[in-house]
Structures are given as C-alpha cells and as structure tokens.
Amino acid sequence: MLPLTITEKALKEIKAIMKNKNIPGEYGLRIGIKASGGCGGISYLLGFDKQKPSDDSYEIDGIMVYIEKKHVMYLVGLEMDYYSGADAQGFNFHNPENQPN
C-alpha cells in the first residue's frame, strides 16, 4: 500500500507529463526527500526513473511509483496534490490532518 495519497489532479498531471515528455514505459515516478539541514526541514523530490534495488515499488492507477526504502517513513500520511492557479502551479505535499478547520 502506497504510504502517501496522490490526488486525482496529481495523477492526471503525472500522466500528462509522462505522455508529453515521452517518458519510457520502464520508468516510474520517483518520490523522495532531501534534508535541507538546520531548521529548514525536508524538501520533496519528484522525477522519473527506473526502479533501483533500494526502492519500494507501488502501482497506482497504472503508474509505477518508486520510493527509496529509507524515505518511506517521511512520506507516510502525506497527500500529494497538483495546484494550477494564476499565482503558481506545481505539485505540493501536505499532511491532511494538519489542515485548519
């Protein structure tokens, strides 16, 4: 089971990118983290890559998702969404349980 939730909007955008950029079929979506050091927390990384021996692999809506085993615990419970507006566009990660009521 995928440790994070990927919204329908994000899945649609991932599929569009894969099609428009001609991502080879043996590649999947790689989700990772990068520690920014100090009090900055972590940054989330996205890309397309082949599976590596150190990865956990998942399939969601026909898309293979690869996450390095040591990164999985940082992604549990998060939601990945895609936002497109006049002010910005892109993928974002958030914890749905920390949203204001």
PDB file of N, CA and C in Angstrom:
ATOM      1  N   MET A   1       0.847  -1.183   0.000  1.00  0.00           N
ATOM      2  CA  MET A   1       0.000   0.000   0.000  1.00  0.00           C
ATOM      3  C   MET A   1       0.893   1.247   0.000  1.00  0.00           C
ATOM      4  N   LEU A   2       0.589   2.176  -0.872  1.00  0.00           N
ATOM      5  CA  LEU A   2       1.346   3.417  -1.012  1.00  0.00           C
ATOM      6  C   LEU A   2       1.300   4.200   0.301  1.00  0.00           C
ATOM      7  N   PRO A   3       2.461   4.653   0.809  1.00  0.00           N
ATOM      8  CA  PRO A   3       2.477   5.327   2.111  1.00  0.00           C
ATOM      9  C   PRO A   3       1.867   6.724   2.105  1.00  0.00           C
ATOM     10  N   LEU A   4       1.648   7.293   0.923  1.00  0.00           N
ATOM     11  CA  LEU A   4       1.025   8.605   0.831  1.00  0.00           C
ATOM     12  C   LEU A   4      -0.135   8.525  -0.146  1.00  0.00           C
ATOM     13  N   THR A   5      -0.970   9.545  -0.134  1.00  0.00           N
ATOM     14  CA  THR A   5      -2.105   9.629  -1.045  1.00  0.00           C
ATOM     15  C   THR A   5      -1.729  10.555  -2.193  1.00  0.00           C
ATOM     16  N   ILE A   6      -2.064  10.159  -3.402  1.00  0.00           N
ATOM     17  CA  ILE A   6      -1.857  11.016  -4.568  1.00  0.00           C
ATOM     18  C   ILE A   6      -3.238  11.352  -5.112  1.00  0.00           C
ATOM     19  N   THR A   7      -3.570  12.637  -5.171  1.00  0.00           N
ATOM     20  CA  THR A   7      -4.903  13.050  -5.593  1.00  0.00           C
ATOM     21  C   THR A   7      -5.120  12.777  -7.082  1.00  0.00           C
ATOM     22  N   GLU A   8      -6.387  12.789  -7.471  1.00  0.00           N
ATOM     23  CA  GLU A   8      -6.737  12.588  -8.885  1.00  0.00           C
ATOM     24  C   GLU A   8      -6.106  13.663  -9.767  1.00  0.00           C
ATOM     25  N   LYS A   9      -6.105  14.912  -9.301  1.00  0.00           N
ATOM     26  CA  LYS A   9      -5.491  16.001 -10.086  1.00  0.00           C
ATOM     27  C   LYS A   9      -4.005  15.735 -10.296  1.00  0.00           C
ATOM     28  N   ALA A  10      -3.321  15.270  -9.249  1.00  0.00           N
ATOM     29  CA  ALA A  10      -1.893  14.976  -9.369  1.00  0.00           C
ATOM     30  C   ALA A  10      -1.658  13.805 -10.323  1.00  0.00           C
ATOM     31  N   LEU A  11      -2.466  12.750 -10.210  1.00  0.00           N
ATOM     32  CA  LEU A  11      -2.326  11.603 -11.111  1.00  0.00           C
ATOM     33  C   LEU A  11      -2.533  12.018 -12.564  1.00  0.00           C
ATOM     34  N   LYS A  12      -3.517  12.853 -12.801  1.00  0.00           N
ATOM     35  CA  LYS A  12      -3.801  13.333 -14.162  1.00  0.00           C
ATOM     36  C   LYS A  12      -2.608  14.109 -14.706  1.00  0.00           C
ATOM     37  N   GLU A  13      -2.010  14.957 -13.884  1.00  0.00           N
ATOM     38  CA  GLU A  13      -0.860  15.752 -14.315  1.00  0.00           C
ATOM     39  C   GLU A  13       0.359  14.867 -14.545  1.00  0.00           C
ATOM     40  N   ILE A  14       0.583  13.874 -13.695  1.00  0.00           N
ATOM     41  CA  ILE A  14       1.705  12.950 -13.868  1.00  0.00           C
ATOM     42  C   ILE A  14       1.576  12.216 -15.203  1.00  0.00           C
ATOM     43  N   LYS A  15       0.369  11.728 -15.499  1.00  0.00           N
ATOM     44  CA  LYS A  15       0.140  11.029 -16.761  1.00  0.00           C
ATOM     45  C   LYS A  15       0.377  11.952 -17.951  1.00  0.00           C
ATOM     46  N   ALA A  16      -0.065  13.206 -17.845  1.00  0.00           N
ATOM     47  CA  ALA A  16       0.139  14.169 -18.928  1.00  0.00           C
ATOM     48  C   ALA A  16       1.623  14.440 -19.142  1.00  0.00           C
ATOM     49  N   ILE A  17       2.373  14.588 -18.068  1.00  0.00           N
ATOM     50  CA  ILE A  17       3.818  14.816 -18.183  1.00  0.00           C
ATOM     51  C   ILE A  17       4.490  13.614 -18.827  1.00  0.00           C
ATOM     52  N   MET A  18       4.126  12.414 -18.379  1.00  0.00           N
ATOM     53  CA  MET A  18       4.731  11.200 -18.936  1.00  0.00           C
ATOM     54  C   MET A  18       4.470  11.105 -20.439  1.00  0.00           C
ATOM     55  N   LYS A  19       3.273  11.461 -20.852  1.00  0.00           N
ATOM     56  CA  LYS A  19       2.919  11.407 -22.271  1.00  0.00           C
ATOM     57  C   LYS A  19       3.630  12.511 -23.049  1.00  0.00           C
ATOM     58  N   ASN A  20       3.559  13.744 -22.567  1.00  0.00           N
ATOM     59  CA  ASN A  20       4.131  14.888 -23.285  1.00  0.00           C
ATOM     60  C   ASN A  20       5.653  14.853 -23.357  1.00  0.00           C
ATOM     61  N   LYS A  21       6.298  14.271 -22.353  1.00  0.00           N
ATOM     62  CA  LYS A  21       7.765  14.204 -22.320  1.00  0.00           C
ATOM     63  C   LYS A  21       8.287  12.857 -22.823  1.00  0.00           C
ATOM     64  N   ASN A  22       7.381  12.009 -23.310  1.00  0.00           N
ATOM     65  CA  ASN A  22       7.755  10.691 -23.839  1.00  0.00           C
ATOM     66  C   ASN A  22       8.611   9.896 -22.854  1.00  0.00           C
ATOM     67  N   ILE A  23       8.151   9.826 -21.610  1.00  0.00           N
ATOM     68  CA  ILE A  23       8.863   9.063 -20.583  1.00  0.00           C
ATOM     69  C   ILE A  23       8.765   7.578 -20.943  1.00  0.00           C
ATOM     70  N   PRO A  24       9.891   6.871 -21.023  1.00  0.00           N
ATOM     71  CA  PRO A  24       9.850   5.448 -21.403  1.00  0.00           C
ATOM     72  C   PRO A  24       8.991   4.617 -20.453  1.00  0.00           C
ATOM     73  N   GLY A  25       8.385   3.589 -20.977  1.00  0.00           N
ATOM     74  CA  GLY A  25       7.478   2.739 -20.216  1.00  0.00           C
ATOM     75  C   GLY A  25       8.102   2.049 -19.017  1.00  0.00           C
ATOM     76  N   GLU A  26       9.420   1.813 -19.057  1.00  0.00           N
ATOM     77  CA  GLU A  26      10.070   1.146 -17.924  1.00  0.00           C
ATOM     78  C   GLU A  26      10.398   2.114 -16.785  1.00  0.00           C
ATOM     79  N   TYR A  27      10.082   3.374 -16.964  1.00  0.00           N
ATOM     80  CA  TYR A  27      10.302   4.375 -15.923  1.00  0.00           C
ATOM     81  C   TYR A  27       9.033   4.572 -15.104  1.00  0.00           C
ATOM     82  N   GLY A  28       9.217   4.926 -13.851  1.00  0.00           N
ATOM     83  CA  GLY A  28       8.095   5.240 -12.983  1.00  0.00           C
ATOM     84  C   GLY A  28       8.353   6.561 -12.286  1.00  0.00           C
ATOM     85  N   LEU A  29       7.389   6.980 -11.509  1.00  0.00           N
ATOM     86  CA  LEU A  29       7.512   8.216 -10.743  1.00  0.00           C
ATOM     87  C   LEU A  29       8.345   7.945  -9.504  1.00  0.00           C
ATOM     88  N   ARG A  30       9.425   8.684  -9.341  1.00  0.00           N
ATOM     89  CA  ARG A  30      10.252   8.578  -8.140  1.00  0.00           C
ATOM     90  C   ARG A  30       9.881   9.722  -7.206  1.00  0.00           C
ATOM     91  N   ILE A  31       9.546   9.353  -5.961  1.00  0.00           N
ATOM     92  CA  ILE A  31       9.247  10.331  -4.922  1.00  0.00           C
ATOM     93  C   ILE A  31      10.312  10.165  -3.847  1.00  0.00           C
ATOM     94  N   GLY A  32      10.914  11.271  -3.461  1.00  0.00           N
ATOM     95  CA  GLY A  32      11.961  11.209  -2.456  1.00  0.00           C
ATOM     96  C   GLY A  32      11.977  12.446  -1.592  1.00  0.00           C
ATOM     97  N   ILE A  33      12.928  12.483  -0.702  1.00  0.00           N
ATOM     98  CA  ILE A  33      13.084  13.633   0.183  1.00  0.00           C
ATOM     99  C   ILE A  33      14.537  14.080   0.168  1.00  0.00           C
ATOM    100  N   LYS A  34      14.731  15.326   0.539  1.00  0.00           N
ATOM    101  CA  LYS A  34      16.070  15.877   0.690  1.00  0.00           C
ATOM    102  C   LYS A  34      16.072  16.695   1.964  1.00  0.00           C
ATOM    103  N   ALA A  35      16.937  16.336   2.882  1.00  0.00           N
ATOM    104  CA  ALA A  35      17.059  17.104   4.119  1.00  0.00           C
ATOM    105  C   ALA A  35      17.726  18.425   3.784  1.00  0.00           C
ATOM    106  N   SER A  36      17.116  19.522   4.243  1.00  0.00           N
ATOM    107  CA  SER A  36      17.672  20.833   3.913  1.00  0.00           C
ATOM    108  C   SER A  36      18.634  21.322   4.976  1.00  0.00           C
ATOM    109  N   GLY A  37      18.800  20.564   6.041  1.00  0.00           N
ATOM    110  CA  GLY A  37      19.750  20.945   7.083  1.00  0.00           C
ATOM    111  C   GLY A  37      19.196  22.019   7.995  1.00  0.00           C
ATOM    112  N   GLY A  38      19.670  22.059   9.182  1.00  0.00           N
ATOM    113  CA  GLY A  38      19.215  23.076  10.127  1.00  0.00           C
ATOM    114  C   GLY A  38      17.750  22.923  10.451  1.00  0.00           C
ATOM    115  N   CYS A  39      17.068  24.047  10.578  1.00  0.00           N
ATOM    116  CA  CYS A  39      15.649  24.059  10.947  1.00  0.00           C
ATOM    117  C   CYS A  39      14.732  24.044   9.734  1.00  0.00           C
ATOM    118  N   GLY A  40      15.298  23.942   8.539  1.00  0.00           N
ATOM    119  CA  GLY A  40      14.513  24.031   7.316  1.00  0.00           C
ATOM    120  C   GLY A  40      13.631  22.848   7.037  1.00  0.00           C
ATOM    121  N   GLY A  41      13.844  21.743   7.716  1.00  0.00           N
ATOM    122  CA  GLY A  41      13.023  20.564   7.478  1.00  0.00           C
ATOM    123  C   GLY A  41      13.479  19.804   6.260  1.00  0.00           C
ATOM    124  N   ILE A  42      12.515  19.284   5.515  1.00  0.00           N
ATOM    125  CA  ILE A  42      12.838  18.486   4.335  1.00  0.00           C
ATOM    126  C   ILE A  42      12.138  19.054   3.114  1.00  0.00           C
ATOM    127  N   SER A  43      12.700  18.748   1.954  1.00  0.00           N
ATOM    128  CA  SER A  43      12.097  19.095   0.674  1.00  0.00           C
ATOM    129  C   SER A  43      11.722  17.789  -0.011  1.00  0.00           C
ATOM    130  N   TYR A  44      10.697  17.834  -0.803  1.00  0.00           N
ATOM    131  CA  TYR A  44      10.231  16.652  -1.512  1.00  0.00           C
ATOM    132  C   TYR A  44      10.719  16.707  -2.944  1.00  0.00           C
ATOM    133  N   LEU A  45      11.146  15.568  -3.456  1.00  0.00           N
ATOM    134  CA  LEU A  45      11.702  15.470  -4.797  1.00  0.00           C
ATOM    135  C   LEU A  45      10.821  14.570  -5.656  1.00  0.00           C
ATOM    136  N   LEU A  46      10.637  14.965  -6.901  1.00  0.00           N
ATOM    137  CA  LEU A  46       9.886  14.171  -7.865  1.00  0.00           C
ATOM    138  C   LEU A  46      10.707  14.035  -9.136  1.00  0.00           C
ATOM    139  N   GLY A  47      10.603  12.901  -9.774  1.00  0.00           N
ATOM    140  CA  GLY A  47      11.262  12.690 -11.045  1.00  0.00           C
ATOM    141  C   GLY A  47      10.811  11.377 -11.642  1.00  0.00           C
ATOM    142  N   PHE A  48      11.364  11.025 -12.781  1.00  0.00           N
ATOM    143  CA  PHE A  48      11.050   9.761 -13.430  1.00  0.00           C
ATOM    144  C   PHE A  48      12.332   8.966 -13.522  1.00  0.00           C
ATOM    145  N   ASP A  49      12.263   7.688 -13.162  1.00  0.00           N
ATOM    146  CA  ASP A  49      13.464   6.890 -13.025  1.00  0.00           C
ATOM    147  C   ASP A  49      13.098   5.419 -13.129  1.00  0.00           C
ATOM    148  N   LYS A  50      14.114   4.586 -13.338  1.00  0.00           N
ATOM    149  CA  LYS A  50      13.940   3.141 -13.277  1.00  0.00           C
ATOM    150  C   LYS A  50      14.017   2.703 -11.817  1.00  0.00           C
ATOM    151  N   GLN A  51      13.427   1.566 -11.535  1.00  0.00           N
ATOM    152  CA  GLN A  51      13.473   1.024 -10.180  1.00  0.00           C
ATOM    153  C   GLN A  51      14.893   0.615  -9.821  1.00  0.00           C
ATOM    154  N   LYS A  52      15.264   0.888  -8.562  1.00  0.00           N
ATOM    155  CA  LYS A  52      16.575   0.517  -8.030  1.00  0.00           C
ATOM    156  C   LYS A  52      16.379  -0.535  -6.941  1.00  0.00           C
ATOM    157  N   PRO A  53      17.422  -1.328  -6.640  1.00  0.00           N
ATOM    158  CA  PRO A  53      17.292  -2.366  -5.612  1.00  0.00           C
ATOM    159  C   PRO A  53      16.889  -1.825  -4.230  1.00  0.00           C
ATOM    160  N   SER A  54      17.213  -0.569  -3.935  1.00  0.00           N
ATOM    161  CA  SER A  54      16.898   0.010  -2.617  1.00  0.00           C
ATOM    162  C   SER A  54      15.500   0.625  -2.554  1.00  0.00           C
ATOM    163  N   ASP A  55      14.684   0.419  -3.591  1.00  0.00           N
ATOM    164  CA  ASP A  55      13.349   1.026  -3.663  1.00  0.00           C
ATOM    165  C   ASP A  55      12.254   0.085  -3.190  1.00  0.00           C
ATOM    166  N   ASP A  56      11.219   0.674  -2.610  1.00  0.00           N
ATOM    167  CA  ASP A  56       9.920   0.020  -2.508  1.00  0.00           C
ATOM    168  C   ASP A  56       9.165   0.460  -3.747  1.00  0.00           C
ATOM    169  N   SER A  57       8.376  -0.410  -4.327  1.00  0.00           N
ATOM    170  CA  SER A  57       7.618  -0.046  -5.520  1.00  0.00           C
ATOM    171  C   SER A  57       6.131  -0.243  -5.271  1.00  0.00           C
ATOM    172  N   TYR A  58       5.359   0.630  -5.880  1.00  0.00           N
ATOM    173  CA  TYR A  58       3.904   0.634  -5.738  1.00  0.00           C
ATOM    174  C   TYR A  58       3.318   0.936  -7.109  1.00  0.00           C
ATOM    175  N   GLU A  59       2.083   0.521  -7.309  1.00  0.00           N
ATOM    176  CA  GLU A  59       1.374   0.904  -8.535  1.00  0.00           C
ATOM    177  C   GLU A  59       0.101   1.619  -8.139  1.00  0.00           C
ATOM    178  N   ILE A  60      -0.137   2.755  -8.746  1.00  0.00           N
ATOM    179  CA  ILE A  60      -1.371   3.486  -8.514  1.00  0.00           C
ATOM    180  C   ILE A  60      -1.892   3.987  -9.853  1.00  0.00           C
ATOM    181  N   ASP A  61      -3.073   3.577 -10.187  1.00  0.00           N
ATOM    182  CA  ASP A  61      -3.745   3.995 -11.417  1.00  0.00           C
ATOM    183  C   ASP A  61      -2.859   3.808 -12.652  1.00  0.00           C
ATOM    184  N   GLY A  62      -2.149   2.686 -12.705  1.00  0.00           N
ATOM    185  CA  GLY A  62      -1.311   2.374 -13.856  1.00  0.00           C
ATOM    186  C   GLY A  62       0.062   3.030 -13.845  1.00  0.00           C
ATOM    187  N   ILE A  63       0.384   3.776 -12.806  1.00  0.00           N
ATOM    188  CA  ILE A  63       1.681   4.448 -12.692  1.00  0.00           C
ATOM    189  C   ILE A  63       2.515   3.724 -11.641  1.00  0.00           C
ATOM    190  N   MET A  64       3.709   3.338 -12.019  1.00  0.00           N
ATOM    191  CA  MET A  64       4.632   2.766 -11.035  1.00  0.00           C
ATOM    192  C   MET A  64       5.247   3.911 -10.235  1.00  0.00           C
ATOM    193  N   VAL A  65       5.302   3.720  -8.929  1.00  0.00           N
ATOM    194  CA  VAL A  65       5.873   4.718  -8.020  1.00  0.00           C
ATOM    195  C   VAL A  65       7.015   4.056  -7.270  1.00  0.00           C
ATOM    196  N   TYR A  66       8.177   4.713  -7.284  1.00  0.00           N
ATOM    197  CA  TYR A  66       9.362   4.197  -6.604  1.00  0.00           C
ATOM    198  C   TYR A  66       9.763   5.145  -5.484  1.00  0.00           C
ATOM    199  N   ILE A  67       9.973   4.576  -4.314  1.00  0.00           N
ATOM    200  CA  ILE A  67      10.403   5.348  -3.151  1.00  0.00           C
ATOM    201  C   ILE A  67      11.538   4.580  -2.494  1.00  0.00           C
ATOM    202  N   GLU A  68      12.650   5.246  -2.299  1.00  0.00           N
ATOM    203  CA  GLU A  68      13.769   4.606  -1.613  1.00  0.00           C
ATOM    204  C   GLU A  68      13.314   4.216  -0.212  1.00  0.00           C
ATOM    205  N   LYS A  69      13.639   3.005   0.192  1.00  0.00           N
ATOM    206  CA  LYS A  69      13.153   2.461   1.472  1.00  0.00           C
ATOM    207  C   LYS A  69      13.386   3.411   2.644  1.00  0.00           C
ATOM    208  N   LYS A  70      14.529   4.081   2.691  1.00  0.00           N
ATOM    209  CA  LYS A  70      14.833   4.954   3.819  1.00  0.00           C
ATOM    210  C   LYS A  70      14.027   6.261   3.797  1.00  0.00           C
ATOM    211  N   HIS A  71      13.306   6.543   2.707  1.00  0.00           N
ATOM    212  CA  HIS A  71      12.489   7.752   2.613  1.00  0.00           C
ATOM    213  C   HIS A  71      11.018   7.517   2.957  1.00  0.00           C
ATOM    214  N   VAL A  72      10.605   6.257   2.947  1.00  0.00           N
ATOM    215  CA  VAL A  72       9.188   5.922   3.122  1.00  0.00           C
ATOM    216  C   VAL A  72       8.611   6.530   4.399  1.00  0.00           C
ATOM    217  N   MET A  73       9.316   6.427   5.511  1.00  0.00           N
ATOM    218  CA  MET A  73       8.767   6.897   6.793  1.00  0.00           C
ATOM    219  C   MET A  73       8.478   8.398   6.790  1.00  0.00           C
ATOM    220  N   TYR A  74       9.148   9.164   5.938  1.00  0.00           N
ATOM    221  CA  TYR A  74       8.918  10.607   5.873  1.00  0.00           C
ATOM    222  C   TYR A  74       7.696  10.965   5.025  1.00  0.00           C
ATOM    223  N   LEU A  75       7.173   9.994   4.306  1.00  0.00           N
ATOM    224  CA  LEU A  75       6.046  10.236   3.403  1.00  0.00           C
ATOM    225  C   LEU A  75       4.724   9.685   3.924  1.00  0.00           C
ATOM    226  N   VAL A  76       4.772   8.855   4.965  1.00  0.00           N
ATOM    227  CA  VAL A  76       3.569   8.219   5.489  1.00  0.00           C
ATOM    228  C   VAL A  76       2.559   9.280   5.933  1.00  0.00           C
ATOM    229  N   GLY A  77       1.338   9.135   5.425  1.00  0.00           N
ATOM    230  CA  GLY A  77       0.240  10.015   5.816  1.00  0.00           C
ATOM    231  C   GLY A  77       0.132  11.311   5.035  1.00  0.00           C
ATOM    232  N   LEU A  78       1.101  11.605   4.159  1.00  0.00           N
ATOM    233  CA  LEU A  78       1.053  12.841   3.387  1.00  0.00           C
ATOM    234  C   LEU A  78       0.113  12.699   2.192  1.00  0.00           C
ATOM    235  N   GLU A  79      -0.281  13.830   1.665  1.00  0.00           N
ATOM    236  CA  GLU A  79      -1.064  13.870   0.432  1.00  0.00           C
ATOM    237  C   GLU A  79      -0.290  14.685  -0.585  1.00  0.00           C
ATOM    238  N   MET A  80      -0.158  14.135  -1.780  1.00  0.00           N
ATOM    239  CA  MET A  80       0.484  14.844  -2.883  1.00  0.00           C
ATOM    240  C   MET A  80      -0.619  15.329  -3.798  1.00  0.00           C
ATOM    241  N   ASP A  81      -0.612  16.626  -4.072  1.00  0.00           N
ATOM    242  CA  ASP A  81      -1.648  17.234  -4.894  1.00  0.00           C
ATOM    243  C   ASP A  81      -0.978  18.059  -5.989  1.00  0.00           C
ATOM    244  N   TYR A  82      -1.775  18.491  -6.952  1.00  0.00           N
ATOM    245  CA  TYR A  82      -1.287  19.379  -8.000  1.00  0.00           C
ATOM    246  C   TYR A  82      -2.145  20.626  -7.977  1.00  0.00           C
ATOM    247  N   TYR A  83      -1.483  21.778  -7.985  1.00  0.00           N
ATOM    248  CA  TYR A  83      -2.186  23.055  -7.970  1.00  0.00           C
ATOM    249  C   TYR A  83      -1.817  23.819  -9.228  1.00  0.00           C
ATOM    250  N   SER A  84      -2.823  24.401  -9.860  1.00  0.00           N
ATOM    251  CA  SER A  84      -2.596  25.256 -11.016  1.00  0.00           C
ATOM    252  C   SER A  84      -3.497  26.469 -10.885  1.00  0.00           C
ATOM    253  N   GLY A  85      -2.877  27.603 -10.645  1.00  0.00           N
ATOM    254  CA  GLY A  85      -3.633  28.836 -10.485  1.00  0.00           C
ATOM    255  C   GLY A  85      -2.880  29.993 -11.105  1.00  0.00           C
ATOM    256  N   ALA A  86      -3.458  31.182 -11.010  1.00  0.00           N
ATOM    257  CA  ALA A  86      -2.829  32.371 -11.576  1.00  0.00           C
ATOM    258  C   ALA A  86      -1.530  32.716 -10.855  1.00  0.00           C
ATOM    259  N   ASP A  87      -1.444  32.337  -9.581  1.00  0.00           N
ATOM    260  CA  ASP A  87      -0.278  32.698  -8.772  1.00  0.00           C
ATOM    261  C   ASP A  87       0.853  31.682  -8.834  1.00  0.00           C
ATOM    262  N   ALA A  88       0.541  30.429  -9.101  1.00  0.00           N
ATOM    263  CA  ALA A  88       1.564  29.378  -9.118  1.00  0.00           C
ATOM    264  C   ALA A  88       0.981  28.094  -9.661  1.00  0.00           C
ATOM    265  N   GLN A  89       1.867  27.171  -9.968  1.00  0.00           N
ATOM    266  CA  GLN A  89       1.435  25.823 -10.327  1.00  0.00           C
ATOM    267  C   GLN A  89       2.520  24.848  -9.949  1.00  0.00           C
ATOM    268  N   GLY A  90       2.109  23.639  -9.616  1.00  0.00           N
ATOM    269  CA  GLY A  90       3.076  22.601  -9.282  1.00  0.00           C
ATOM    270  C   GLY A  90       2.518  21.603  -8.296  1.00  0.00           C
ATOM    271  N   PHE A  91       3.339  20.635  -7.995  1.00  0.00           N
ATOM    272  CA  PHE A  91       2.971  19.604  -7.040  1.00  0.00           C
ATOM    273  C   PHE A  91       3.289  20.099  -5.641  1.00  0.00           C
ATOM    274  N   ASN A  92       2.448  19.717  -4.689  1.00  0.00           N
ATOM    275  CA  ASN A  92       2.727  20.062  -3.299  1.00  0.00           C
ATOM    276  C   ASN A  92       2.380  18.877  -2.413  1.00  0.00           C
ATOM    277  N   PHE A  93       3.023  18.852  -1.271  1.00  0.00           N
ATOM    278  CA  PHE A  93       2.834  17.793  -0.283  1.00  0.00           C
ATOM    279  C   PHE A  93       2.333  18.437   0.997  1.00  0.00           C
ATOM    280  N   HIS A  94       1.345  17.823   1.604  1.00  0.00           N
ATOM    281  CA  HIS A  94       0.864  18.319   2.890  1.00  0.00           C
ATOM    282  C   HIS A  94       0.254  17.165   3.683  1.00  0.00           C
ATOM    283  N   ASN A  95       0.140  17.400   4.965  1.00  0.00           N
ATOM    284  CA  ASN A  95      -0.481  16.425   5.852  1.00  0.00           C
ATOM    285  C   ASN A  95      -1.933  16.846   6.030  1.00  0.00           C
ATOM    286  N   PRO A  96      -2.896  16.070   5.506  1.00  0.00           N
ATOM    287  CA  PRO A  96      -4.304  16.457   5.586  1.00  0.00           C
ATOM    288  C   PRO A  96      -4.807  16.569   7.032  1.00  0.00           C
ATOM    289  N   GLU A  97      -4.141  15.921   7.969  1.00  0.00           N
ATOM    290  CA  GLU A  97      -4.572  16.003   9.360  1.00  0.00           C
ATOM    291  C   GLU A  97      -4.150  17.311  10.011  1.00  0.00           C
ATOM    292  N   ASN A  98      -3.251  18.055   9.382  1.00  0.00           N
ATOM    293  CA  ASN A  98      -2.795  19.343   9.941  1.00  0.00           C
ATOM    294  C   ASN A  98      -3.473  20.528   9.271  1.00  0.00           C
ATOM    295  N   GLN A  99      -4.567  20.307   8.561  1.00  0.00           N
ATOM    296  CA  GLN A  99      -5.273  21.390   7.882  1.00  0.00           C
ATOM    297  C   GLN A  99      -6.177  22.118   8.865  1.00  0.00           C
ATOM    298  N   PRO A 100      -6.273  23.445   8.736  1.00  0.00           N
ATOM    299  CA  PRO A 100      -7.189  24.183   9.616  1.00  0.00           C
ATOM    300  C   PRO A 100      -8.630  23.825   9.332  1.00  0.00           C
ATOM    301  N   ASN A 101      -9.461  23.864  10.364  1.00  0.00           N
ATOM    302  CA  ASN A 101     -10.887  23.534  10.202  1.00  0.00           C
ATOM    303  C   ASN A 101     -11.654  24.718   9.704  1.00  0.00           C
TER     304      ASN A 101
END
